[in-house]
């Protein structure tokens, strides 16, 4: 007969609690990074919307539409980036030639997503404090915007790292 004290001290339950705590903690950090990564896309689409004559009349419309379209674009890019990682959960017996084609396609699409995301981050958070022509002829470590590079790397790979952590913790729990 199992008592309530044995249920409270069950190691599997403690491991599950710790696993969920880890996932929630890192999930919050990842969510913050994703919210921060809306900026490059929102800025780009807001600038594009301001060029449309009818939308440019009211100052808040391009910003609002830019935010909505930018958030959708970010969601599509991030989904493309983690698609191959999610496909790895397919059981071995279901991995056949068709699955191989799908994973190759997913990897190509993910590469495109990373390229788009990297370009958006580099445009919004420039990696250099000086013009590239100046840096090319006189490169110094002080001319590199290390903070911008760290933000861009975190926003590029944050969700993928979280998905890998989630897969690992799920297997352990």
Protein backbone atom coordinates (compact mmCIF):
# COMPACT_ATOMS: atom_id res chain seq x y z
CA UNK A 1 0.00 0.00 0.00
CA UNK A 2 1.37 3.42 -1.02
CA UNK A 3 1.07 6.17 1.57
CA UNK A 4 0.81 9.89 0.87
CA UNK A 5 4.33 10.40 2.27
CA UNK A 6 5.74 7.96 -0.30
CA UNK A 7 3.93 9.86 -3.07
CA UNK A 8 5.46 13.17 -1.97
CA UNK A 9 8.98 11.74 -1.85
CA UNK A 10 8.71 9.92 -5.19
CA UNK A 11 11.94 10.69 -7.15
CA UNK A 12 10.09 10.59 -10.47
CA UNK A 13 7.73 13.31 -9.22
CA UNK A 14 10.64 15.47 -8.06
CA UNK A 15 12.39 15.00 -11.41
CA UNK A 16 9.20 16.02 -13.22
CA UNK A 17 8.90 19.14 -11.07
CA UNK A 18 12.52 20.11 -11.70
CA UNK A 19 12.14 19.41 -15.42
CA UNK A 20 9.04 21.59 -15.66
CA UNK A 21 10.72 24.34 -13.64
CA UNK A 22 13.67 24.29 -16.05
CA UNK A 23 11.38 24.38 -19.07
CA UNK A 24 9.30 27.24 -17.64
CA UNK A 25 12.39 29.26 -16.70
CA UNK A 26 14.10 28.88 -20.05
CA UNK A 27 10.73 29.24 -21.78
CA UNK A 28 10.31 32.67 -20.23
CA UNK A 29 13.76 33.74 -21.41
CA UNK A 30 13.02 32.40 -24.90
CA UNK A 31 9.65 34.17 -24.97
CA UNK A 32 11.41 37.43 -24.04
CA UNK A 33 13.89 36.89 -26.89
CA UNK A 34 11.07 36.21 -29.35
CA UNK A 35 9.24 39.35 -28.24
CA UNK A 36 12.46 41.28 -28.74
CA UNK A 37 12.91 39.72 -32.18
CA UNK A 38 9.59 41.21 -33.34
CA UNK A 39 11.43 44.55 -33.55
CA UNK A 40 13.38 43.93 -36.77
CA UNK A 41 10.34 42.61 -38.63
CA UNK A 42 7.94 45.21 -37.23
CA UNK A 43 10.34 48.02 -38.14
CA UNK A 44 10.81 46.73 -41.68
CA UNK A 45 7.11 46.29 -42.39
CA UNK A 46 6.18 49.60 -40.72
CA UNK A 47 8.60 51.40 -43.05
CA UNK A 48 7.13 49.56 -46.03
CA UNK A 49 3.56 50.40 -44.97
CA UNK A 50 4.42 54.12 -44.63
CA UNK A 51 5.27 54.20 -48.33
CA UNK A 52 1.70 53.25 -49.24
CA UNK A 53 -0.05 56.62 -49.70
CA UNK A 54 -3.41 55.70 -48.19
CA UNK A 55 -1.89 54.03 -45.11
CA UNK A 56 0.62 56.82 -44.50
CA UNK A 57 -2.10 59.39 -43.73
CA UNK A 58 -2.69 58.15 -40.21
CA UNK A 59 0.56 57.73 -38.26
CA UNK A 60 -0.52 54.73 -36.15
CA UNK A 61 -1.86 52.57 -39.01
CA UNK A 62 1.54 51.69 -40.58
CA UNK A 63 2.99 50.92 -37.14
CA UNK A 64 0.04 48.71 -36.17
CA UNK A 65 -0.03 46.87 -39.50
CA UNK A 66 3.76 46.59 -39.44
CA UNK A 67 3.58 45.02 -35.98
CA UNK A 68 0.88 42.54 -37.03
CA UNK A 69 2.57 41.54 -40.29
CA UNK A 70 6.00 41.50 -38.61
CA UNK A 71 4.74 39.20 -35.87
CA UNK A 72 3.28 36.84 -38.48
CA UNK A 73 6.52 36.88 -40.45
CA UNK A 74 8.53 36.18 -37.29
CA UNK A 75 6.23 33.26 -36.46
CA UNK A 76 6.67 31.82 -39.97
CA UNK A 77 10.46 32.20 -39.88
CA UNK A 78 10.79 30.71 -36.38
CA UNK A 79 8.50 27.81 -37.34
CA UNK A 80 10.65 27.12 -40.37
CA UNK A 81 13.80 27.18 -38.22
CA UNK A 82 12.57 24.57 -35.72
CA UNK A 83 10.68 22.35 -38.17
CA UNK A 84 13.60 19.89 -38.66
CA UNK A 85 14.09 19.62 -34.89
CA UNK A 86 10.45 18.71 -34.40
CA UNK A 87 10.66 16.09 -37.14
CA UNK A 88 13.38 14.28 -35.19
CA UNK A 89 10.68 13.01 -32.82
CA UNK A 90 9.48 10.64 -35.54
CA UNK A 91 9.93 7.02 -34.39
CA UNK A 92 12.67 5.06 -36.17
CA UNK A 93 10.26 2.57 -37.71
CA UNK A 94 8.41 5.43 -39.45
CA UNK A 95 11.57 6.91 -40.97
CA UNK A 96 11.52 5.88 -44.58
CA UNK A 97 12.45 7.39 -47.93
CA UNK A 98 9.53 9.83 -47.80
CA UNK A 99 10.61 11.00 -44.32
CA UNK A 100 14.16 11.51 -45.65
CA UNK A 101 12.81 13.77 -48.41
CA UNK A 102 10.73 15.71 -45.89
CA UNK A 103 13.65 16.21 -43.51
CA UNK A 104 15.87 17.41 -46.38
CA UNK A 105 13.17 19.87 -47.44
CA UNK A 106 12.75 21.00 -43.83
CA UNK A 107 16.50 21.61 -43.53
CA UNK A 108 16.56 23.69 -46.72
CA UNK A 109 13.59 25.74 -45.52
CA UNK A 110 15.20 26.14 -42.09
CA UNK A 111 18.40 27.40 -43.72
CA UNK A 112 16.36 29.98 -45.61
CA UNK A 113 14.63 30.97 -42.37
CA UNK A 114 17.97 31.43 -40.62
CA UNK A 115 19.23 33.54 -43.55
CA UNK A 116 16.16 35.80 -43.43
CA UNK A 117 16.37 36.06 -39.65
CA UNK A 118 20.10 36.85 -39.74
CA UNK A 119 19.56 39.56 -42.36
CA UNK A 120 16.72 41.11 -40.34
CA UNK A 121 18.79 41.06 -37.14
CA UNK A 122 21.87 42.50 -38.89
CA UNK A 123 19.76 45.32 -40.32
CA UNK A 124 18.11 46.13 -36.98
CA UNK A 125 21.14 45.51 -34.72
CA UNK A 126 24.22 46.41 -36.82
CA UNK A 127 27.22 44.22 -35.97
CA UNK A 128 29.68 47.11 -36.46
CA UNK A 129 29.89 50.51 -34.77
CA UNK A 130 31.60 51.95 -37.86
CA UNK A 131 31.01 51.68 -41.58
CA UNK A 132 32.19 48.43 -43.15
CA UNK A 133 34.61 50.26 -45.47
CA UNK A 134 36.38 51.71 -42.41
CA UNK A 135 36.39 48.37 -40.62
CA UNK A 136 37.70 46.53 -43.68
CA UNK A 137 40.85 48.63 -43.85
CA UNK A 138 41.39 49.16 -40.12
CA UNK A 139 39.70 46.34 -38.21
CA UNK A 140 39.67 46.69 -34.46
CA UNK A 141 37.81 44.78 -31.77
CA UNK A 142 36.41 48.06 -30.46
CA UNK A 143 34.59 48.63 -33.75
CA UNK A 144 32.53 45.48 -33.28
CA UNK A 145 29.17 45.91 -31.55
CA UNK A 146 29.44 42.84 -29.31
CA UNK A 147 26.14 43.52 -27.59
CA UNK A 148 24.28 43.60 -30.90
CA UNK A 149 25.96 40.36 -31.98
CA UNK A 150 24.98 38.68 -28.71
CA UNK A 151 21.36 39.80 -29.08
CA UNK A 152 21.25 38.62 -32.69
CA UNK A 153 22.76 35.22 -31.87
CA UNK A 154 20.36 34.74 -28.97
CA UNK A 155 17.34 35.68 -31.07
CA UNK A 156 18.53 33.50 -33.96
CA UNK A 157 19.14 30.34 -31.97
CA UNK A 158 17.10 30.85 -28.79
CA UNK A 159 13.98 28.99 -29.90
CA UNK A 160 15.98 26.14 -31.45
CA UNK A 161 17.98 25.77 -28.22
CA UNK A 162 14.74 25.74 -26.25
CA UNK A 163 13.27 23.04 -28.51
CA UNK A 164 16.42 20.93 -28.01
CA UNK A 165 16.18 21.45 -24.24
CA UNK A 166 12.49 20.57 -24.30
CA UNK A 167 13.18 17.34 -26.24
CA UNK A 168 15.95 16.36 -23.80
CA UNK A 169 13.96 17.11 -20.64
CA UNK A 170 10.95 15.29 -22.03
CA UNK A 171 13.07 12.18 -22.59
CA UNK A 172 14.52 12.37 -19.08
CA UNK A 173 11.16 12.90 -17.39
